[in-house]
Each structure stands twice: as structure tokens, then as C-alpha cells.
Amino acid sequence: MQSTTKSLLDDQLVDMKFIVNYSGMTDKWFYKLMKLNRFPKGIKLGSNRRWFKSEVEAWFQERVDESPK
């Protein structure tokens, strides 16, 4: 349990603005992917939603790995 807590504290939470800037895609695209269960839904904090940066990076890496070379 403690190691999980430590890793959560070591990870950064990012918002949709970060994801949009990181990817160059629109927020509408990511919300559509979330609706289709093809992008992590993140964590709801009040009226905001945040994602662990490592989770977003892993999702992008999976897309890179799946793409034809």
C-alpha cells in the first residue's frame, strides 16, 4: 500500500489543456475517445477532470507502438 501511495505522489496530475497542447489534437477529440472507452477517463475532482501524466504518456506510447513503421 505504501509503495502505491508513493508512486501516486510522484506522478503529476494534468488537465485537458495539457493533453491538447501535448498532442496537438482537440479536446473534443479526446472527449469522444473517452465516450468510446478509447482514452482514459481520468479522475473527477469537483467539476474538473485530471489525468496522471504517466497514464497519458503511456496511452500515447501505445498509439506509437501500434502505428505502422
N, C-alpha and C. Protein backbone atom coordinates (compact mmCIF):
# COMPACT_ATOMS: atom_id res chain seq x y z
N MET A 1 0.83 -1.20 0.00
CA MET A 1 0.00 0.00 0.00
C MET A 1 0.86 1.26 0.00
N GLN A 2 1.89 1.28 0.79
CA GLN A 2 2.72 2.46 0.87
C GLN A 2 3.42 2.76 -0.46
N SER A 3 3.88 1.71 -1.17
CA SER A 3 4.54 1.94 -2.45
C SER A 3 3.57 2.55 -3.47
N THR A 4 2.29 2.15 -3.43
CA THR A 4 1.29 2.73 -4.32
C THR A 4 1.10 4.21 -4.01
N THR A 5 1.02 4.54 -2.73
CA THR A 5 0.86 5.92 -2.33
C THR A 5 2.06 6.74 -2.78
N LYS A 6 3.25 6.21 -2.62
CA LYS A 6 4.44 6.93 -3.04
C LYS A 6 4.41 7.19 -4.54
N SER A 7 4.04 6.19 -5.33
CA SER A 7 4.02 6.40 -6.78
C SER A 7 2.95 7.42 -7.17
N LEU A 8 1.83 7.46 -6.47
CA LEU A 8 0.80 8.47 -6.75
C LEU A 8 1.33 9.86 -6.45
N LEU A 9 2.08 9.98 -5.39
CA LEU A 9 2.64 11.28 -5.02
C LEU A 9 3.72 11.72 -6.00
N ASP A 10 4.40 10.76 -6.60
CA ASP A 10 5.47 11.07 -7.54
C ASP A 10 4.94 11.43 -8.92
N ASP A 11 3.69 11.09 -9.22
CA ASP A 11 3.11 11.35 -10.53
C ASP A 11 2.43 12.71 -10.52
N GLN A 12 2.41 13.37 -11.66
CA GLN A 12 1.82 14.68 -11.80
C GLN A 12 0.42 14.55 -12.38
N LEU A 13 -0.52 15.36 -11.89
CA LEU A 13 -1.85 15.41 -12.48
C LEU A 13 -1.86 16.50 -13.55
N VAL A 14 -2.45 16.18 -14.70
CA VAL A 14 -2.51 17.14 -15.80
C VAL A 14 -3.97 17.33 -16.20
N ASP A 15 -4.25 18.47 -16.81
CA ASP A 15 -5.61 18.77 -17.25
C ASP A 15 -5.72 18.60 -18.77
N MET A 16 -6.92 18.82 -19.28
CA MET A 16 -7.16 18.66 -20.71
C MET A 16 -6.33 19.65 -21.52
N LYS A 17 -6.11 20.84 -21.00
CA LYS A 17 -5.30 21.82 -21.71
C LYS A 17 -3.89 21.27 -21.96
N PHE A 18 -3.33 20.60 -20.97
CA PHE A 18 -2.01 19.99 -21.13
C PHE A 18 -2.06 18.93 -22.23
N ILE A 19 -3.08 18.07 -22.20
CA ILE A 19 -3.21 16.98 -23.16
C ILE A 19 -3.35 17.52 -24.58
N VAL A 20 -4.15 18.57 -24.74
CA VAL A 20 -4.34 19.20 -26.05
C VAL A 20 -3.02 19.79 -26.55
N ASN A 21 -2.30 20.49 -25.69
CA ASN A 21 -1.01 21.07 -26.08
C ASN A 21 0.01 19.99 -26.38
N TYR A 22 -0.01 18.92 -25.61
CA TYR A 22 0.93 17.80 -25.77
C TYR A 22 0.71 17.09 -27.10
N SER A 23 -0.55 16.96 -27.49
CA SER A 23 -0.89 16.14 -28.65
C SER A 23 -1.13 16.93 -29.94
N GLY A 24 -1.59 18.15 -29.81
CA GLY A 24 -1.99 18.91 -30.99
C GLY A 24 -3.39 18.58 -31.47
N MET A 25 -4.07 17.71 -30.74
CA MET A 25 -5.45 17.34 -31.08
C MET A 25 -6.40 18.22 -30.26
N THR A 26 -7.69 18.17 -30.58
CA THR A 26 -8.66 19.00 -29.86
C THR A 26 -9.20 18.27 -28.64
N ASP A 27 -9.73 19.05 -27.71
CA ASP A 27 -10.35 18.45 -26.53
C ASP A 27 -11.58 17.64 -26.93
N LYS A 28 -12.30 18.08 -27.95
CA LYS A 28 -13.49 17.34 -28.42
C LYS A 28 -13.11 15.94 -28.86
N TRP A 29 -11.96 15.82 -29.51
CA TRP A 29 -11.48 14.51 -29.95
C TRP A 29 -11.27 13.59 -28.76
N PHE A 30 -10.63 14.09 -27.71
CA PHE A 30 -10.35 13.26 -26.54
C PHE A 30 -11.63 12.92 -25.78
N TYR A 31 -12.56 13.86 -25.69
CA TYR A 31 -13.83 13.54 -25.02
C TYR A 31 -14.61 12.48 -25.81
N LYS A 32 -14.53 12.53 -27.12
CA LYS A 32 -15.15 11.50 -27.95
C LYS A 32 -14.50 10.14 -27.68
N LEU A 33 -13.16 10.12 -27.63
CA LEU A 33 -12.45 8.87 -27.32
C LEU A 33 -12.82 8.34 -25.94
N MET A 34 -12.98 9.23 -24.96
CA MET A 34 -13.38 8.79 -23.62
C MET A 34 -14.77 8.16 -23.67
N LYS A 35 -15.67 8.76 -24.41
CA LYS A 35 -17.03 8.22 -24.54
C LYS A 35 -17.01 6.82 -25.15
N LEU A 36 -16.04 6.58 -26.07
CA LEU A 36 -15.90 5.28 -26.72
C LEU A 36 -14.99 4.33 -25.93
N ASN A 37 -14.58 4.74 -24.73
CA ASN A 37 -13.67 3.96 -23.87
C ASN A 37 -12.33 3.68 -24.56
N ARG A 38 -11.85 4.66 -25.33
CA ARG A 38 -10.57 4.50 -26.03
C ARG A 38 -9.50 5.46 -25.52
N PHE A 39 -9.86 6.24 -24.47
CA PHE A 39 -8.91 7.13 -23.79
C PHE A 39 -9.27 7.11 -22.32
N PRO A 40 -8.26 7.15 -21.44
CA PRO A 40 -8.55 7.10 -20.00
C PRO A 40 -9.51 8.21 -19.58
N LYS A 41 -10.43 7.88 -18.71
CA LYS A 41 -11.43 8.85 -18.26
C LYS A 41 -10.87 9.80 -17.20
N GLY A 42 -9.74 9.47 -16.62
CA GLY A 42 -9.14 10.35 -15.64
C GLY A 42 -9.88 10.33 -14.31
N ILE A 43 -9.61 11.34 -13.51
CA ILE A 43 -10.17 11.44 -12.17
C ILE A 43 -11.00 12.71 -12.10
N LYS A 44 -12.22 12.58 -11.63
CA LYS A 44 -13.10 13.72 -11.47
C LYS A 44 -12.81 14.35 -10.11
N LEU A 45 -12.42 15.62 -10.11
CA LEU A 45 -12.15 16.38 -8.89
C LEU A 45 -13.05 17.61 -8.90
N GLY A 46 -14.15 17.53 -8.18
CA GLY A 46 -15.13 18.62 -8.24
C GLY A 46 -15.72 18.68 -9.63
N SER A 47 -15.66 19.85 -10.24
CA SER A 47 -16.19 19.99 -11.60
C SER A 47 -15.10 19.81 -12.66
N ASN A 48 -13.89 19.48 -12.21
CA ASN A 48 -12.76 19.32 -13.12
C ASN A 48 -12.36 17.86 -13.27
N ARG A 49 -11.63 17.57 -14.32
CA ARG A 49 -11.12 16.24 -14.56
C ARG A 49 -9.61 16.36 -14.75
N ARG A 50 -8.89 15.41 -14.13
CA ARG A 50 -7.43 15.39 -14.24
C ARG A 50 -6.98 13.97 -14.57
N TRP A 51 -5.81 13.87 -15.20
CA TRP A 51 -5.21 12.60 -15.57
C TRP A 51 -3.81 12.53 -14.99
N PHE A 52 -3.37 11.32 -14.66
CA PHE A 52 -1.97 11.16 -14.29
C PHE A 52 -1.15 11.28 -15.56
N LYS A 53 -0.13 12.10 -15.49
CA LYS A 53 0.72 12.35 -16.65
C LYS A 53 1.29 11.04 -17.20
N SER A 54 1.69 10.14 -16.32
CA SER A 54 2.25 8.86 -16.76
C SER A 54 1.22 8.04 -17.53
N GLU A 55 -0.05 8.13 -17.14
CA GLU A 55 -1.12 7.41 -17.83
C GLU A 55 -1.33 7.97 -19.24
N VAL A 56 -1.29 9.29 -19.37
CA VAL A 56 -1.44 9.93 -20.67
C VAL A 56 -0.26 9.58 -21.57
N GLU A 57 0.95 9.65 -21.02
CA GLU A 57 2.14 9.31 -21.81
C GLU A 57 2.11 7.86 -22.25
N ALA A 58 1.66 6.96 -21.37
CA ALA A 58 1.57 5.54 -21.71
C ALA A 58 0.55 5.33 -22.84
N TRP A 59 -0.56 6.05 -22.79
CA TRP A 59 -1.57 5.93 -23.83
C TRP A 59 -0.99 6.36 -25.18
N PHE A 60 -0.26 7.48 -25.19
CA PHE A 60 0.36 7.94 -26.43
C PHE A 60 1.41 6.95 -26.92
N GLN A 61 2.18 6.39 -26.01
CA GLN A 61 3.21 5.42 -26.39
C GLN A 61 2.58 4.18 -27.03
N GLU A 62 1.43 3.75 -26.50
CA GLU A 62 0.72 2.61 -27.10
C GLU A 62 0.31 2.94 -28.54
N ARG A 63 -0.14 4.16 -28.78
CA ARG A 63 -0.52 4.55 -30.15
C ARG A 63 0.71 4.53 -31.06
N VAL A 64 1.83 4.99 -30.57
CA VAL A 64 3.07 4.98 -31.37
C VAL A 64 3.48 3.54 -31.67
N ASP A 65 3.41 2.68 -30.65
CA ASP A 65 3.80 1.29 -30.82
C ASP A 65 2.89 0.55 -31.81
N GLU A 66 1.62 0.93 -31.84
CA GLU A 66 0.64 0.27 -32.73
C GLU A 66 0.74 0.77 -34.17
N SER A 67 1.31 1.93 -34.38
CA SER A 67 1.32 2.51 -35.72
C SER A 67 2.31 1.77 -36.62
N PRO A 68 1.97 1.67 -37.89
CA PRO A 68 2.88 1.01 -38.82
C PRO A 68 4.19 1.78 -38.94
N LYS A 69 5.24 1.04 -39.08
CA LYS A 69 6.57 1.67 -39.16
C LYS A 69 7.05 1.69 -40.58
